[in-house]
Protein backbone atom coordinates (compact mmCIF):
# COMPACT_ATOMS: atom_id res chain seq x y z
CA MET A 1 0.02 -0.01 0.00
CA PHE A 2 2.90 2.36 0.76
CA GLY A 3 5.12 1.14 -2.06
CA LEU A 4 7.54 -0.58 0.36
CA LYS A 5 9.35 -3.77 -0.40
CA PRO A 6 8.36 -6.76 1.78
CA ARG A 7 12.00 -7.23 2.87
CA THR A 8 12.14 -3.63 4.07
CA VAL A 9 8.99 -4.03 6.17
CA TYR A 10 10.29 -7.34 7.57
CA TYR A 11 13.64 -5.79 8.47
CA TRP A 12 12.14 -2.85 10.33
CA TYR A 13 9.67 -5.07 12.14
CA LYS A 14 12.31 -7.55 13.24
CA GLU A 15 15.13 -5.17 14.12
CA HIS A 16 13.22 -2.18 15.53
CA LEU A 17 9.54 -2.79 16.23
CA SER A 18 9.24 -6.32 17.59
CA GLY A 19 11.63 -6.05 20.53
CA TYR A 20 13.48 -9.13 19.31
CA ARG A 21 16.99 -7.66 19.62
CA GLN A 22 16.34 -6.33 23.10
CA ALA A 23 15.02 -9.74 24.19
CA ARG A 24 18.14 -11.47 22.77
CA ALA A 25 20.43 -9.00 24.56
CA SER A 26 18.65 -9.44 27.91
CA GLY A 27 18.63 -13.25 27.64
CA GLU A 28 14.84 -13.38 27.61
CA CYS A 29 14.91 -15.48 24.46
CA GLY A 30 17.65 -17.68 23.03
CA GLY A 31 20.72 -19.04 24.63
CA LYS A 32 19.05 -22.10 26.23
CA ALA A 33 20.07 -25.52 25.03
CA ILE A 34 20.36 -29.22 25.85
CA ARG A 35 23.99 -30.24 25.93
CA ILE A 36 25.07 -33.74 24.87
CA VAL A 37 28.21 -34.41 26.90
CA ASP A 38 30.78 -37.18 26.69
CA GLU A 39 30.68 -38.93 30.06
CA GLN A 40 34.37 -39.73 30.13
CA SER A 41 35.96 -36.50 28.83
CA GLY A 42 33.18 -34.06 29.67
CA GLU A 43 33.39 -32.63 26.18
CA VAL A 44 30.19 -31.16 24.74
CA LEU A 45 29.43 -33.23 21.67
CA ALA A 46 26.29 -31.42 20.47
CA GLU A 47 23.63 -28.96 21.48
CA LYS A 48 19.88 -29.07 20.95
CA ASP A 49 17.85 -25.89 21.01
CA VAL A 50 15.28 -25.07 23.71
CA PRO A 51 13.63 -22.03 22.04
CA ILE A 52 10.77 -21.48 24.51
CA ILE A 53 10.71 -21.79 28.29
CA LYS A 54 8.02 -19.94 30.23
CA ALA A 55 8.21 -20.82 33.92
CA ALA A 56 5.07 -18.83 34.73
CA ASN A 57 3.02 -21.14 32.52
CA MET A 58 3.94 -24.26 34.47
CA GLY A 59 0.90 -25.25 36.55
CA ALA A 60 -0.79 -28.10 38.36
CA ASN A 61 -2.16 -29.72 35.21
CA MET A 62 0.11 -30.08 32.16
CA THR A 63 -0.11 -31.73 28.76
CA ILE A 64 2.75 -33.03 26.61
CA ASP A 65 2.93 -33.91 22.95
CA GLU A 66 5.33 -33.92 20.01
CA LYS A 67 5.21 -31.51 17.05
CA GLN A 68 7.20 -31.37 13.83
CA ILE A 69 8.32 -27.83 13.10
CA GLY A 70 10.12 -27.61 9.78
CA LYS A 71 12.03 -30.86 9.47
CA THR A 72 12.71 -31.18 13.22
CA MET A 73 10.68 -32.88 15.94
CA TYR A 74 10.02 -30.91 19.13
CA THR A 75 8.44 -31.68 22.46
CA VAL A 76 5.68 -29.24 23.40
CA MET A 77 4.40 -28.78 26.98
CA THR A 78 1.15 -26.84 27.48
CA ASN A 79 -0.69 -25.77 30.56
CA ALA A 80 -3.99 -27.73 30.53
CA ASP A 81 -5.81 -25.03 32.50
CA THR A 82 -4.72 -21.88 30.60
CA GLY A 83 -3.80 -23.42 27.24
CA LYS A 84 -0.49 -21.48 27.16
CA LEU A 85 2.90 -22.75 26.04
CA ALA A 86 5.31 -23.60 28.86
CA LEU A 87 8.09 -25.39 26.97
CA ILE A 88 9.32 -26.27 23.50
CA ALA A 89 12.47 -28.37 23.28
CA GLN A 90 14.22 -29.92 20.25
CA THR A 91 14.14 -33.50 21.56
CA LEU A 92 11.85 -36.43 22.28
CA LYS A 93 14.24 -38.25 24.61
CA PRO A 94 13.30 -38.45 28.30
CA ASP A 95 16.83 -37.95 29.63
CA GLU A 96 17.34 -34.82 27.56
CA LEU A 97 13.94 -33.46 28.61
CA GLN A 98 14.88 -34.17 32.20
CA GLN A 99 17.97 -32.01 31.70
CA VAL A 100 15.76 -29.12 30.61
CA ILE A 101 13.65 -29.41 33.74
CA ASP A 102 16.67 -29.70 36.04
CA ASN A 103 18.47 -26.72 34.47
CA TYR A 104 15.60 -24.27 33.87
CA LEU A 105 12.46 -25.38 35.74
CA PRO A 106 13.53 -27.18 38.96
CA SER A 107 11.14 -25.45 41.33
CA GLU A 108 8.24 -25.16 38.86
CA ALA A 109 8.27 -28.94 38.33
CA GLN A 110 7.14 -29.41 41.93
CA LYS A 111 3.86 -27.62 41.16
CA VAL A 112 2.77 -30.25 38.64
CA ARG A 113 0.09 -32.64 39.92
CA SER A 114 -1.10 -34.25 36.66
CA VAL A 115 0.40 -34.84 33.22
CA SER A 116 -1.66 -35.90 30.20
CA CYS A 117 0.09 -37.54 27.28
CA ASP A 118 -0.32 -40.31 24.68
CA MET A 119 1.00 -43.83 25.17
CA SER A 120 4.56 -42.92 24.14
CA PRO A 121 7.04 -44.81 26.41
CA SER A 122 9.44 -41.81 26.25
CA TYR A 123 6.90 -39.34 27.53
CA LYS A 124 5.65 -41.72 30.20
CA LYS A 125 9.20 -42.22 31.44
CA PHE A 126 9.94 -38.51 31.38
CA SER A 127 6.76 -37.63 33.21
CA ARG A 128 7.48 -40.05 36.01
CA GLN A 129 11.07 -38.88 36.35
CA ALA A 130 10.51 -35.11 36.13
CA PHE A 131 7.20 -34.93 38.02
CA PRO A 132 7.31 -37.66 40.71
CA GLU A 133 4.33 -36.11 42.56
CA ALA A 134 2.18 -35.94 39.43
CA GLU A 135 -0.47 -38.36 38.24
CA LEU A 136 -0.04 -39.66 34.69
CA ILE A 137 -3.14 -39.65 32.50
CA ILE A 138 -3.31 -41.43 29.13
CA ASP A 139 -5.25 -39.28 26.70
CA LYS A 140 -8.82 -40.45 26.08
CA PHE A 141 -8.80 -39.55 22.38
CA HIS A 142 -5.69 -41.60 21.66
CA VAL A 143 -7.31 -44.71 23.13
CA VAL A 144 -10.52 -44.17 21.18
CA LYS A 145 -8.51 -43.62 18.01
CA HIS A 146 -6.83 -47.03 18.40
CA VAL A 147 -10.25 -48.67 18.83
CA LEU A 148 -11.63 -46.89 15.76
CA ASP A 149 -8.57 -47.95 13.79
CA ALA A 150 -9.23 -51.59 14.77
CA LEU A 151 -12.83 -51.20 13.53
CA GLN A 152 -11.69 -49.80 10.21
CA GLN A 153 -9.17 -52.64 9.94
CA VAL A 154 -12.05 -55.14 10.15
CA ARG A 155 -13.94 -53.21 7.47
CA LYS A 156 -10.88 -53.13 5.17
CA GLN A 157 -10.33 -56.89 5.56
CA LEU A 158 -13.95 -57.55 4.54
CA LYS A 159 -13.55 -55.22 1.58
CA THR A 160 -10.41 -57.06 0.49
CA GLN A 161 -12.26 -60.40 0.63
CA CYS A 162 -14.95 -58.98 -1.67
CA LEU A 163 -12.66 -57.43 -4.30
CA ASN A 164 -12.87 -60.42 -6.65
CA SER A 165 -16.58 -61.04 -6.03
CA ASP A 166 -19.40 -59.89 -8.33
CA ALA A 167 -22.05 -60.24 -5.64
CA THR A 168 -24.40 -57.31 -5.08
CA LEU A 169 -26.76 -56.29 -2.34
CA THR A 170 -30.20 -55.06 -3.46
CA LEU A 171 -31.94 -52.76 -1.02
CA PRO A 172 -35.66 -53.62 -0.63
CA GLU A 173 -37.07 -50.10 -0.88
CA LYS A 174 -38.78 -49.00 -4.11
CA GLU A 175 -36.43 -48.12 -6.93
CA GLN A 176 -33.38 -48.16 -4.75
CA PRO A 177 -30.02 -48.51 -6.55
CA VAL A 178 -28.16 -51.78 -6.52
CA TRP A 179 -24.82 -51.44 -4.74
CA THR A 180 -22.02 -53.96 -4.67
CA GLU A 181 -20.72 -55.17 -1.32
CA ILE A 182 -17.49 -53.30 -1.94
CA GLU A 183 -19.35 -50.02 -2.51
CA LEU A 184 -21.35 -50.50 0.73
CA LEU A 185 -18.23 -51.33 2.68
CA GLU A 186 -16.57 -48.20 1.29
CA ARG A 187 -19.57 -45.99 2.01
CA SER A 188 -19.72 -47.21 5.62
CA ARG A 189 -16.28 -45.84 6.39
CA TYR A 190 -17.50 -42.68 8.04
CA ILE A 191 -20.80 -44.07 9.23
CA LEU A 192 -18.93 -46.54 11.46
CA CYS A 193 -17.26 -43.59 13.22
CA LYS A 194 -20.65 -42.19 14.30
CA MET A 195 -22.71 -43.31 17.26
CA GLN A 196 -25.77 -45.35 16.25
CA PRO A 197 -28.34 -42.69 17.44
CA GLU A 198 -26.71 -40.22 15.02
CA TRP A 199 -27.49 -42.34 11.92
CA ASN A 200 -30.12 -41.05 9.52
CA GLU A 201 -32.63 -43.34 7.82
CA ASP A 202 -30.48 -44.07 4.77
CA GLU A 203 -27.45 -44.88 6.95
CA LYS A 204 -29.57 -47.18 9.13
CA LEU A 205 -30.75 -49.04 6.04
CA MET A 206 -27.19 -49.46 4.72
CA MET A 207 -25.79 -50.61 8.05
CA ASP A 208 -28.67 -53.07 8.63
CA HIS A 209 -27.79 -54.81 5.40
CA LEU A 210 -24.06 -54.75 6.09
CA PHE A 211 -24.53 -56.16 9.60
CA GLN A 212 -26.85 -58.84 8.29
CA ASN A 213 -24.23 -60.01 5.80
CA TYR A 214 -21.16 -59.40 8.00
CA PRO A 215 -21.87 -60.25 11.67
CA ILE A 216 -18.20 -59.75 12.51
CA LEU A 217 -18.47 -56.07 11.45
CA GLN A 218 -21.51 -55.68 13.68
CA LYS A 219 -19.62 -57.21 16.62
CA ALA A 220 -16.64 -54.93 15.99
CA TYR A 221 -18.94 -51.88 15.89
CA GLU A 222 -20.66 -52.89 19.13
CA LEU A 223 -17.29 -53.29 20.86
CA THR A 224 -16.28 -49.83 19.66
CA GLN A 225 -19.49 -48.20 20.88
CA LYS A 226 -19.28 -49.95 24.23
CA LEU A 227 -15.82 -48.48 24.93
CA ARG A 228 -16.91 -45.02 23.75
CA GLN A 229 -19.90 -45.18 26.09
CA TRP A 230 -17.52 -46.23 28.89
CA TYR A 231 -15.59 -43.05 28.22
CA HIS A 232 -18.74 -40.89 28.52
CA ARG A 233 -18.37 -37.77 30.70
CA LYS A 234 -21.13 -38.99 32.97
CA ASN A 235 -18.63 -41.54 34.36
CA ILE A 236 -16.14 -38.90 35.49
CA GLY A 237 -15.96 -39.02 39.28
CA ARG A 238 -17.45 -42.49 39.45
CA HIS A 239 -15.84 -44.95 41.86
CA THR A 240 -12.73 -46.62 40.41
CA ASP A 241 -14.06 -50.14 41.22
CA PHE A 242 -17.02 -49.65 38.89
CA ILE A 243 -14.83 -48.17 36.17
CA GLU A 244 -12.41 -51.11 36.36
CA ARG A 245 -15.26 -53.62 36.33
CA ASP A 246 -16.80 -52.17 33.17
CA LEU A 247 -13.39 -52.15 31.47
CA ASP A 248 -12.76 -55.73 32.48
CA ASN A 249 -16.14 -56.72 31.01
CA TRP A 250 -15.20 -55.02 27.73
CA CYS A 251 -11.94 -56.95 27.66
CA ASP A 252 -13.83 -60.21 28.22
CA ASP A 253 -16.15 -59.35 25.31
CA VAL A 254 -13.07 -58.76 23.11
CA LEU A 255 -11.70 -62.20 23.99
CA GLN A 256 -15.02 -63.84 23.14
CA SER A 257 -15.25 -61.98 19.83
CA LYS A 258 -11.94 -63.48 18.64
CA ILE A 259 -11.29 -60.45 16.39
CA PRO A 260 -7.48 -60.13 16.04
CA ALA A 261 -7.46 -56.33 15.61
CA PHE A 262 -9.40 -55.84 18.85
CA ARG A 263 -7.30 -58.34 20.77
CA ALA A 264 -4.27 -56.17 19.99
CA VAL A 265 -6.12 -53.09 21.35
CA ARG A 266 -7.09 -55.06 24.43
CA LYS A 267 -3.44 -55.89 25.20
CA MET A 268 -2.52 -52.21 24.78
CA ILE A 269 -5.29 -51.08 27.15
CA GLU A 270 -4.39 -53.67 29.78
CA LYS A 271 -0.74 -52.52 29.60
CA HIS A 272 -1.70 -48.89 30.32
CA GLN A 273 -4.85 -49.57 32.36
CA PRO A 274 -4.02 -47.62 35.57
CA ASP A 275 -3.03 -44.49 33.62
CA ILE A 276 -6.09 -44.79 31.38
CA ILE A 277 -8.44 -45.02 34.37
CA ASN A 278 -6.91 -41.86 35.85
CA TYR A 279 -8.93 -39.92 33.26
CA PHE A 280 -12.12 -40.52 35.23
CA LYS A 281 -10.84 -38.60 38.29
CA LYS A 282 -10.95 -35.15 36.68
CA GLY A 283 -11.70 -35.76 32.99
CA GLN A 284 -8.38 -34.30 31.86
CA THR A 285 -7.41 -34.97 28.23
CA ASN A 286 -4.65 -33.92 25.83
CA ALA A 287 -6.99 -31.57 23.98
CA LYS A 288 -5.04 -28.41 24.91
CA ALA A 289 -1.84 -29.96 23.53
CA GLU A 290 -3.54 -30.97 20.24
CA ASN A 291 -5.11 -27.53 20.01
CA MET A 292 -1.70 -25.91 20.54
CA ASN A 293 -0.24 -28.11 17.79
CA GLY A 294 -2.93 -26.87 15.44
CA LYS A 295 -2.26 -23.23 16.35
CA ILE A 296 1.47 -23.72 15.67
CA GLN A 297 0.71 -25.33 12.31
CA ARG A 298 -1.56 -22.44 11.30
CA PHE A 299 1.07 -19.95 12.43
CA ILE A 300 3.63 -21.71 10.21
CA ALA A 301 1.23 -21.68 7.24
CA ASN A 302 0.37 -18.00 7.70
CA ASN A 303 4.09 -17.15 7.69
CA PHE A 304 4.77 -19.32 4.63
CA GLY A 305 7.13 -21.62 6.50
CA ILE A 306 10.09 -21.10 8.79
CA LYS A 307 12.97 -19.12 7.28
CA ASP A 308 14.31 -17.27 10.30
CA ARG A 309 13.99 -19.94 13.00
CA ASP A 310 15.06 -17.86 16.03
CA PHE A 311 12.75 -15.00 15.18
CA PHE A 312 9.96 -17.43 14.42
CA PHE A 313 10.16 -18.93 17.93
CA TYR A 314 10.34 -15.44 19.46
CA ARG A 315 7.09 -14.52 17.76
CA LEU A 316 5.55 -17.86 18.61
CA ALA A 317 6.33 -17.29 22.28
CA GLY A 318 4.77 -13.82 22.04
CA TYR A 319 1.54 -15.18 20.65
CA PHE A 320 1.05 -18.40 22.59
CA SER A 321 2.97 -18.16 25.89
């Protein structure tokens, strides 16, 4: 609008208007890193960047997740109550994350009372090391996603079995089109992700025919819905004994179904069962972490990528921490 070159505007914004240089000079941003040291010689072999640390955003309830920024993977910690960034570090390793806590957030770590994460062994190990007083919570949505993936795996297997078949299913209503089994199995992809009361009349008709021809798909869908109902918010605060009993009943149903995809999910749930059940104490999820990942991704897209990495993280901290 003023006839200025984009580079000129960017230069003046970065060097004079944003406060970036003053923040660098005062140590407010930059200068923090994870040091990889040789145990025998004590020599620093490498350094990994820790671009954002905001001690004030550490609170009682935290979430942790990974995020790819550019071509590099970072660990992102977010306050579950405020939704603000507390930490971004260029590592996924628990020992290196522990170094960040010990060097920059030793007193703030004692405030943490719960940490929500996915089923990553690295993050579980880190959470237990760095926050010994905190309760570990496996994210509800990651568990449900694994169950939905198992359901879709059953559907795909049935579709594969029908690929060389010319059989069709004719719907009984007047002048309804004739669909092949493959078409119906493909159309049911998103319907299976919905709860049964949410189906419209056409979807009910399609699923009735599919379930009639494929009882294993119906059983897989019923198992999925039963676990999703178990995760309903009305069960938050319910006594742990009842929660465990209902989960054990679901695991027994999986065994009786003899569906391989669900048996794998059952083993995973039994492995992480105590941390999964912790969700029902307060209903904490990893939603704030996933929301933060989405904000970071949109910020990257709006800035057409990451060219000046240090300045990018300075602006990111200004917006989200």
